[in-house]
């Protein structure tokens, strides 16, 4: 069979909200093929398919706006929960 996985994570490097990074990774059969990193601000492809998807997704302003918004909507919104544990 095949294994498809999407991993979304927030990396907190300090209590300063500016030190938060949002990562959205797409994995197929244990190999990451594309990733969005909020620090970079765009998708980066790691395989032939990933590079093609990155080009398409980076040229779509609506897709990038959603990904860039996740840092505020998901990571910074939940920062208090992260720091309280």
PDB file of N, CA and C in Angstrom:
ATOM      1  N   UNK A   1       0.795  -1.174   0.000  1.00  0.00           N
ATOM      2  CA  UNK A   1       0.000   0.000   0.000  1.00  0.00           C
ATOM      3  C   UNK A   1       0.849   1.254   0.000  1.00  0.00           C
ATOM      4  N   UNK A   2       0.165   2.362  -0.027  1.00  0.00           N
ATOM      5  CA  UNK A   2       0.807   3.675  -0.050  1.00  0.00           C
ATOM      6  C   UNK A   2       0.487   4.426   1.239  1.00  0.00           C
ATOM      7  N   UNK A   3       1.384   5.307   1.616  1.00  0.00           N
ATOM      8  CA  UNK A   3       1.252   6.064   2.849  1.00  0.00           C
ATOM      9  C   UNK A   3       1.358   7.552   2.530  1.00  0.00           C
ATOM     10  N   UNK A   4       0.283   8.301   2.779  1.00  0.00           N
ATOM     11  CA  UNK A   4       0.251   9.749   2.560  1.00  0.00           C
ATOM     12  C   UNK A   4       0.043  10.428   3.907  1.00  0.00           C
ATOM     13  N   UNK A   5       0.797  11.459   4.181  1.00  0.00           N
ATOM     14  CA  UNK A   5       0.703  12.131   5.474  1.00  0.00           C
ATOM     15  C   UNK A   5       0.962  13.621   5.307  1.00  0.00           C
ATOM     16  N   UNK A   6       0.204  14.418   6.046  1.00  0.00           N
ATOM     17  CA  UNK A   6       0.449  15.854   6.129  1.00  0.00           C
ATOM     18  C   UNK A   6       0.775  16.158   7.581  1.00  0.00           C
ATOM     19  N   UNK A   7       1.901  16.807   7.816  1.00  0.00           N
ATOM     20  CA  UNK A   7       2.335  17.146   9.168  1.00  0.00           C
ATOM     21  C   UNK A   7       2.376  18.663   9.275  1.00  0.00           C
ATOM     22  N   UNK A   8       1.563  19.198  10.184  1.00  0.00           N
ATOM     23  CA  UNK A   8       1.537  20.642  10.421  1.00  0.00           C
ATOM     24  C   UNK A   8       2.052  20.868  11.831  1.00  0.00           C
ATOM     25  N   UNK A   9       3.030  21.732  11.961  1.00  0.00           N
ATOM     26  CA  UNK A   9       3.598  21.946  13.288  1.00  0.00           C
ATOM     27  C   UNK A   9       3.999  23.400  13.487  1.00  0.00           C
ATOM     28  N   UNK A  10       3.992  23.771  14.743  1.00  0.00           N
ATOM     29  CA  UNK A  10       4.479  25.085  15.154  1.00  0.00           C
ATOM     30  C   UNK A  10       5.754  24.852  15.950  1.00  0.00           C
ATOM     31  N   UNK A  11       6.775  25.574  15.623  1.00  0.00           N
ATOM     32  CA  UNK A  11       8.024  25.477  16.378  1.00  0.00           C
ATOM     33  C   UNK A  11       8.197  26.768  17.164  1.00  0.00           C
ATOM     34  N   UNK A  12       8.273  26.594  18.476  1.00  0.00           N
ATOM     35  CA  UNK A  12       8.394  27.725  19.386  1.00  0.00           C
ATOM     36  C   UNK A  12       9.831  27.776  19.887  1.00  0.00           C
ATOM     37  N   UNK A  13      10.561  28.812  19.507  1.00  0.00           N
ATOM     38  CA  UNK A  13      11.959  28.904  19.928  1.00  0.00           C
ATOM     39  C   UNK A  13      12.140  29.818  21.139  1.00  0.00           C
ATOM     40  N   UNK A  14      11.152  30.641  21.429  1.00  0.00           N
ATOM     41  CA  UNK A  14      11.222  31.518  22.593  1.00  0.00           C
ATOM     42  C   UNK A  14       9.803  31.948  22.947  1.00  0.00           C
ATOM     43  N   UNK A  15       9.646  32.611  24.068  1.00  0.00           N
ATOM     44  CA  UNK A  15       8.317  33.095  24.463  1.00  0.00           C
ATOM     45  C   UNK A  15       7.896  34.307  23.650  1.00  0.00           C
ATOM     46  N   UNK A  16       8.827  34.871  22.901  1.00  0.00           N
ATOM     47  CA  UNK A  16       8.529  35.988  22.019  1.00  0.00           C
ATOM     48  C   UNK A  16       7.728  35.455  20.829  1.00  0.00           C
ATOM     49  N   UNK A  17       6.592  36.043  20.545  1.00  0.00           N
ATOM     50  CA  UNK A  17       5.751  35.565  19.447  1.00  0.00           C
ATOM     51  C   UNK A  17       6.438  35.690  18.086  1.00  0.00           C
ATOM     52  N   UNK A  18       7.492  36.486  18.001  1.00  0.00           N
ATOM     53  CA  UNK A  18       8.227  36.615  16.741  1.00  0.00           C
ATOM     54  C   UNK A  18       9.087  35.385  16.473  1.00  0.00           C
ATOM     55  N   UNK A  19       9.330  34.568  17.496  1.00  0.00           N
ATOM     56  CA  UNK A  19      10.177  33.395  17.357  1.00  0.00           C
ATOM     57  C   UNK A  19       9.420  32.131  16.992  1.00  0.00           C
ATOM     58  N   UNK A  20       8.198  32.257  16.492  1.00  0.00           N
ATOM     59  CA  UNK A  20       7.385  31.087  16.147  1.00  0.00           C
ATOM     60  C   UNK A  20       7.505  30.826  14.646  1.00  0.00           C
ATOM     61  N   UNK A  21       7.575  29.543  14.307  1.00  0.00           N
ATOM     62  CA  UNK A  21       7.685  29.128  12.913  1.00  0.00           C
ATOM     63  C   UNK A  21       6.610  28.081  12.617  1.00  0.00           C
ATOM     64  N   UNK A  22       5.905  28.237  11.506  1.00  0.00           N
ATOM     65  CA  UNK A  22       4.888  27.280  11.077  1.00  0.00           C
ATOM     66  C   UNK A  22       5.451  26.445   9.931  1.00  0.00           C
ATOM     67  N   UNK A  23       5.343  25.114  10.059  1.00  0.00           N
ATOM     68  CA  UNK A  23       5.824  24.186   9.039  1.00  0.00           C
ATOM     69  C   UNK A  23       4.645  23.311   8.594  1.00  0.00           C
ATOM     70  N   UNK A  24       4.446  23.201   7.296  1.00  0.00           N
ATOM     71  CA  UNK A  24       3.404  22.353   6.715  1.00  0.00           C
ATOM     72  C   UNK A  24       4.096  21.402   5.735  1.00  0.00           C
ATOM     73  N   UNK A  25       4.251  20.141   6.130  1.00  0.00           N
ATOM     74  CA  UNK A  25       5.001  19.154   5.344  1.00  0.00           C
ATOM     75  C   UNK A  25       4.066  18.117   4.742  1.00  0.00           C
ATOM     76  N   UNK A  26       4.366  17.731   3.512  1.00  0.00           N
ATOM     77  CA  UNK A  26       3.614  16.694   2.813  1.00  0.00           C
ATOM     78  C   UNK A  26       4.550  15.525   2.549  1.00  0.00           C
ATOM     79  N   UNK A  27       4.108  14.327   2.985  1.00  0.00           N
ATOM     80  CA  UNK A  27       4.963  13.137   2.953  1.00  0.00           C
ATOM     81  C   UNK A  27       4.246  12.040   2.182  1.00  0.00           C
ATOM     82  N   UNK A  28       4.988  11.366   1.303  1.00  0.00           N
ATOM     83  CA  UNK A  28       4.453  10.208   0.590  1.00  0.00           C
ATOM     84  C   UNK A  28       5.448   9.064   0.755  1.00  0.00           C
ATOM     85  N   UNK A  29       4.959   7.944   1.291  1.00  0.00           N
ATOM     86  CA  UNK A  29       5.805   6.770   1.554  1.00  0.00           C
ATOM     87  C   UNK A  29       7.082   7.149   2.319  1.00  0.00           C
ATOM     88  N   UNK A  30       6.892   7.883   3.392  1.00  0.00           N
ATOM     89  CA  UNK A  30       7.953   8.286   4.329  1.00  0.00           C
ATOM     90  C   UNK A  30       8.962   9.265   3.753  1.00  0.00           C
ATOM     91  N   UNK A  31       8.715   9.810   2.565  1.00  0.00           N
ATOM     92  CA  UNK A  31       9.619  10.792   1.966  1.00  0.00           C
ATOM     93  C   UNK A  31       8.886  12.124   1.826  1.00  0.00           C
ATOM     94  N   UNK A  32       9.421  13.151   2.459  1.00  0.00           N
ATOM     95  CA  UNK A  32       8.824  14.478   2.345  1.00  0.00           C
ATOM     96  C   UNK A  32       9.066  14.989   0.930  1.00  0.00           C
ATOM     97  N   UNK A  33       7.979  15.416   0.260  1.00  0.00           N
ATOM     98  CA  UNK A  33       8.141  15.884  -1.105  1.00  0.00           C
ATOM     99  C   UNK A  33       7.903  17.383  -1.277  1.00  0.00           C
ATOM    100  N   UNK A  34       7.229  18.017  -0.317  1.00  0.00           N
ATOM    101  CA  UNK A  34       7.030  19.462  -0.384  1.00  0.00           C
ATOM    102  C   UNK A  34       6.804  19.993   1.027  1.00  0.00           C
ATOM    103  N   UNK A  35       7.240  21.240   1.249  1.00  0.00           N
ATOM    104  CA  UNK A  35       7.092  21.848   2.578  1.00  0.00           C
ATOM    105  C   UNK A  35       6.859  23.349   2.430  1.00  0.00           C
ATOM    106  N   UNK A  36       5.939  23.849   3.270  1.00  0.00           N
ATOM    107  CA  UNK A  36       5.786  25.291   3.439  1.00  0.00           C
ATOM    108  C   UNK A  36       6.408  25.648   4.769  1.00  0.00           C
ATOM    109  N   UNK A  37       7.238  26.671   4.780  1.00  0.00           N
ATOM    110  CA  UNK A  37       7.875  27.157   6.000  1.00  0.00           C
ATOM    111  C   UNK A  37       7.560  28.639   6.097  1.00  0.00           C
ATOM    112  N   UNK A  38       6.972  29.065   7.217  1.00  0.00           N
ATOM    113  CA  UNK A  38       6.581  30.471   7.355  1.00  0.00           C
ATOM    114  C   UNK A  38       7.779  31.411   7.355  1.00  0.00           C
ATOM    115  N   UNK A  39       8.940  30.931   7.755  1.00  0.00           N
ATOM    116  CA  UNK A  39      10.139  31.771   7.728  1.00  0.00           C
ATOM    117  C   UNK A  39      10.559  32.046   6.288  1.00  0.00           C
ATOM    118  N   UNK A  40      10.463  31.037   5.442  1.00  0.00           N
ATOM    119  CA  UNK A  40      10.796  31.188   4.023  1.00  0.00           C
ATOM    120  C   UNK A  40       9.662  31.912   3.295  1.00  0.00           C
ATOM    121  N   UNK A  41       8.414  31.609   3.689  1.00  0.00           N
ATOM    122  CA  UNK A  41       7.250  32.273   3.121  1.00  0.00           C
ATOM    123  C   UNK A  41       6.732  31.669   1.834  1.00  0.00           C
ATOM    124  N   UNK A  42       7.209  30.482   1.489  1.00  0.00           N
ATOM    125  CA  UNK A  42       6.745  29.823   0.272  1.00  0.00           C
ATOM    126  C   UNK A  42       6.961  28.323   0.390  1.00  0.00           C
ATOM    127  N   UNK A  43       6.431  27.595  -0.600  1.00  0.00           N
ATOM    128  CA  UNK A  43       6.612  26.149  -0.668  1.00  0.00           C
ATOM    129  C   UNK A  43       7.955  25.834  -1.318  1.00  0.00           C
ATOM    130  N   UNK A  44       8.583  24.767  -0.839  1.00  0.00           N
ATOM    131  CA  UNK A  44       9.827  24.267  -1.422  1.00  0.00           C
ATOM    132  C   UNK A  44       9.619  22.792  -1.720  1.00  0.00           C
ATOM    133  N   UNK A  45       9.930  22.384  -2.937  1.00  0.00           N
ATOM    134  CA  UNK A  45       9.781  20.993  -3.339  1.00  0.00           C
ATOM    135  C   UNK A  45      11.087  20.239  -3.189  1.00  0.00           C
ATOM    136  N   UNK A  46      10.995  18.966  -2.812  1.00  0.00           N
ATOM    137  CA  UNK A  46      12.177  18.128  -2.598  1.00  0.00           C
ATOM    138  C   UNK A  46      12.253  16.959  -3.580  1.00  0.00           C
ATOM    139  N   UNK A  47      11.202  16.741  -4.353  1.00  0.00           N
ATOM    140  CA  UNK A  47      11.187  15.698  -5.374  1.00  0.00           C
ATOM    141  C   UNK A  47      10.671  16.346  -6.657  1.00  0.00           C
ATOM    142  N   UNK A  48      10.672  15.583  -7.743  1.00  0.00           N
ATOM    143  CA  UNK A  48      10.173  16.125  -9.009  1.00  0.00           C
ATOM    144  C   UNK A  48       8.723  16.592  -8.872  1.00  0.00           C
ATOM    145  N   UNK A  49       7.879  15.748  -8.251  1.00  0.00           N
ATOM    146  CA  UNK A  49       6.487  16.127  -8.024  1.00  0.00           C
ATOM    147  C   UNK A  49       6.398  17.327  -7.085  1.00  0.00           C
ATOM    148  N   UNK A  50       7.199  17.334  -6.032  1.00  0.00           N
ATOM    149  CA  UNK A  50       7.188  18.435  -5.079  1.00  0.00           C
ATOM    150  C   UNK A  50       7.576  19.764  -5.705  1.00  0.00           C
ATOM    151  N   UNK A  51       8.562  19.745  -6.590  1.00  0.00           N
ATOM    152  CA  UNK A  51       8.986  20.973  -7.277  1.00  0.00           C
ATOM    153  C   UNK A  51       7.866  21.497  -8.164  1.00  0.00           C
ATOM    154  N   UNK A  52       7.193  20.601  -8.883  1.00  0.00           N
ATOM    155  CA  UNK A  52       6.074  21.021  -9.737  1.00  0.00           C
ATOM    156  C   UNK A  52       4.933  21.598  -8.902  1.00  0.00           C
ATOM    157  N   UNK A  53       4.606  20.927  -7.782  1.00  0.00           N
ATOM    158  CA  UNK A  53       3.555  21.442  -6.904  1.00  0.00           C
ATOM    159  C   UNK A  53       3.957  22.785  -6.299  1.00  0.00           C
ATOM    160  N   UNK A  54       5.206  22.914  -5.883  1.00  0.00           N
ATOM    161  CA  UNK A  54       5.677  24.175  -5.289  1.00  0.00           C
ATOM    162  C   UNK A  54       5.534  25.321  -6.282  1.00  0.00           C
ATOM    163  N   UNK A  55       5.895  25.086  -7.527  1.00  0.00           N
ATOM    164  CA  UNK A  55       5.757  26.130  -8.546  1.00  0.00           C
ATOM    165  C   UNK A  55       4.303  26.546  -8.706  1.00  0.00           C
ATOM    166  N   UNK A  56       3.411  25.567  -8.762  1.00  0.00           N
ATOM    167  CA  UNK A  56       1.983  25.864  -8.923  1.00  0.00           C
ATOM    168  C   UNK A  56       1.420  26.568  -7.703  1.00  0.00           C
ATOM    169  N   UNK A  57       1.704  26.040  -6.519  1.00  0.00           N
ATOM    170  CA  UNK A  57       1.141  26.614  -5.299  1.00  0.00           C
ATOM    171  C   UNK A  57       1.725  27.984  -4.984  1.00  0.00           C
ATOM    172  N   UNK A  58       3.002  28.198  -5.277  1.00  0.00           N
ATOM    173  CA  UNK A  58       3.611  29.507  -5.032  1.00  0.00           C
ATOM    174  C   UNK A  58       3.097  30.571  -5.992  1.00  0.00           C
ATOM    175  N   UNK A  59       2.578  30.165  -7.140  1.00  0.00           N
ATOM    176  CA  UNK A  59       2.042  31.134  -8.091  1.00  0.00           C
ATOM    177  C   UNK A  59       0.573  31.455  -7.817  1.00  0.00           C
ATOM    178  N   UNK A  60      -0.028  30.789  -6.848  1.00  0.00           N
ATOM    179  CA  UNK A  60      -1.428  31.008  -6.488  1.00  0.00           C
ATOM    180  C   UNK A  60      -1.488  31.839  -5.204  1.00  0.00           C
ATOM    181  N   UNK A  61      -1.824  33.113  -5.342  1.00  0.00           N
ATOM    182  CA  UNK A  61      -1.831  34.031  -4.199  1.00  0.00           C
ATOM    183  C   UNK A  61      -2.782  33.575  -3.096  1.00  0.00           C
ATOM    184  N   UNK A  62      -3.899  32.953  -3.460  1.00  0.00           N
ATOM    185  CA  UNK A  62      -4.867  32.503  -2.454  1.00  0.00           C
ATOM    186  C   UNK A  62      -4.288  31.370  -1.608  1.00  0.00           C
ATOM    187  N   UNK A  63      -3.585  30.445  -2.234  1.00  0.00           N
ATOM    188  CA  UNK A  63      -2.972  29.332  -1.500  1.00  0.00           C
ATOM    189  C   UNK A  63      -1.909  29.869  -0.542  1.00  0.00           C
ATOM    190  N   UNK A  64      -1.067  30.768  -1.017  1.00  0.00           N
ATOM    191  CA  UNK A  64      -0.029  31.339  -0.153  1.00  0.00           C
ATOM    192  C   UNK A  64      -0.632  32.135   0.993  1.00  0.00           C
ATOM    193  N   UNK A  65      -1.713  32.866   0.738  1.00  0.00           N
ATOM    194  CA  UNK A  65      -2.352  33.655   1.797  1.00  0.00           C
ATOM    195  C   UNK A  65      -2.862  32.751   2.916  1.00  0.00           C
ATOM    196  N   UNK A  66      -3.434  31.608   2.552  1.00  0.00           N
ATOM    197  CA  UNK A  66      -3.928  30.667   3.563  1.00  0.00           C
ATOM    198  C   UNK A  66      -2.765  30.134   4.389  1.00  0.00           C
ATOM    199  N   UNK A  67      -1.701  29.697   3.721  1.00  0.00           N
ATOM    200  CA  UNK A  67      -0.545  29.144   4.438  1.00  0.00           C
ATOM    201  C   UNK A  67       0.110  30.191   5.335  1.00  0.00           C
ATOM    202  N   UNK A  68       0.288  31.384   4.823  1.00  0.00           N
ATOM    203  CA  UNK A  68       0.913  32.448   5.625  1.00  0.00           C
ATOM    204  C   UNK A  68       0.038  32.835   6.804  1.00  0.00           C
ATOM    205  N   UNK A  69      -1.269  32.723   6.670  1.00  0.00           N
ATOM    206  CA  UNK A  69      -2.196  33.047   7.750  1.00  0.00           C
ATOM    207  C   UNK A  69      -2.195  32.032   8.880  1.00  0.00           C
ATOM    208  N   UNK A  70      -1.725  30.810   8.613  1.00  0.00           N
ATOM    209  CA  UNK A  70      -1.715  29.773   9.636  1.00  0.00           C
ATOM    210  C   UNK A  70      -0.804  30.123  10.811  1.00  0.00           C
ATOM    211  N   UNK A  71       0.245  30.857  10.580  1.00  0.00           N
ATOM    212  CA  UNK A  71       1.138  31.272  11.666  1.00  0.00           C
ATOM    213  C   UNK A  71       0.345  32.073  12.701  1.00  0.00           C
ATOM    214  N   UNK A  72      -0.452  33.017  12.237  1.00  0.00           N
ATOM    215  CA  UNK A  72      -1.271  33.829  13.147  1.00  0.00           C
ATOM    216  C   UNK A  72      -2.448  33.028  13.706  1.00  0.00           C
ATOM    217  N   UNK A  73      -3.189  32.359  12.807  1.00  0.00           N
ATOM    218  CA  UNK A  73      -4.418  31.682  13.188  1.00  0.00           C
ATOM    219  C   UNK A  73      -4.179  30.482  14.086  1.00  0.00           C
ATOM    220  N   UNK A  74      -3.184  29.705  13.793  1.00  0.00           N
ATOM    221  CA  UNK A  74      -2.980  28.444  14.506  1.00  0.00           C
ATOM    222  C   UNK A  74      -1.864  28.540  15.534  1.00  0.00           C
ATOM    223  N   UNK A  75      -0.686  28.981  15.130  1.00  0.00           N
ATOM    224  CA  UNK A  75       0.469  28.951  16.037  1.00  0.00           C
ATOM    225  C   UNK A  75       0.399  30.020  17.126  1.00  0.00           C
ATOM    226  N   UNK A  76       0.250  31.266  16.728  1.00  0.00           N
ATOM    227  CA  UNK A  76       0.252  32.339  17.725  1.00  0.00           C
ATOM    228  C   UNK A  76      -0.983  32.273  18.603  1.00  0.00           C
ATOM    229  N   UNK A  77      -2.103  31.841  18.022  1.00  0.00           N
ATOM    230  CA  UNK A  77      -3.337  31.706  18.795  1.00  0.00           C
ATOM    231  C   UNK A  77      -3.190  30.670  19.913  1.00  0.00           C
ATOM    232  N   UNK A  78      -2.420  29.624  19.671  1.00  0.00           N
ATOM    233  CA  UNK A  78      -2.248  28.550  20.654  1.00  0.00           C
ATOM    234  C   UNK A  78      -0.945  28.651  21.444  1.00  0.00           C
ATOM    235  N   UNK A  79      -0.213  29.729  21.301  1.00  0.00           N
ATOM    236  CA  UNK A  79       1.072  29.875  21.990  1.00  0.00           C
ATOM    237  C   UNK A  79       0.915  29.797  23.507  1.00  0.00           C
ATOM    238  N   UNK A  80      -0.120  30.399  24.067  1.00  0.00           N
ATOM    239  CA  UNK A  80      -0.332  30.350  25.517  1.00  0.00           C
ATOM    240  C   UNK A  80      -0.487  28.911  26.007  1.00  0.00           C
ATOM    241  N   UNK A  81      -1.176  28.076  25.226  1.00  0.00           N
ATOM    242  CA  UNK A  81      -1.321  26.664  25.599  1.00  0.00           C
ATOM    243  C   UNK A  81       0.034  25.957  25.591  1.00  0.00           C
ATOM    244  N   UNK A  82       0.828  26.258  24.605  1.00  0.00           N
ATOM    245  CA  UNK A  82       2.149  25.635  24.500  1.00  0.00           C
ATOM    246  C   UNK A  82       3.024  26.018  25.689  1.00  0.00           C
ATOM    247  N   UNK A  83       3.052  27.308  26.017  1.00  0.00           N
ATOM    248  CA  UNK A  83       3.929  27.781  27.083  1.00  0.00           C
ATOM    249  C   UNK A  83       3.436  27.384  28.468  1.00  0.00           C
ATOM    250  N   UNK A  84       2.127  27.100  28.622  1.00  0.00           N
ATOM    251  CA  UNK A  84       1.605  26.748  29.943  1.00  0.00           C
ATOM    252  C   UNK A  84       1.861  25.278  30.296  1.00  0.00           C
ATOM    253  N   UNK A  85       2.239  24.462  29.333  1.00  0.00           N
ATOM    254  CA  UNK A  85       2.485  23.037  29.621  1.00  0.00           C
ATOM    255  C   UNK A  85       3.932  22.749  29.867  1.00  0.00           C
TER     256      UNK A  85
END
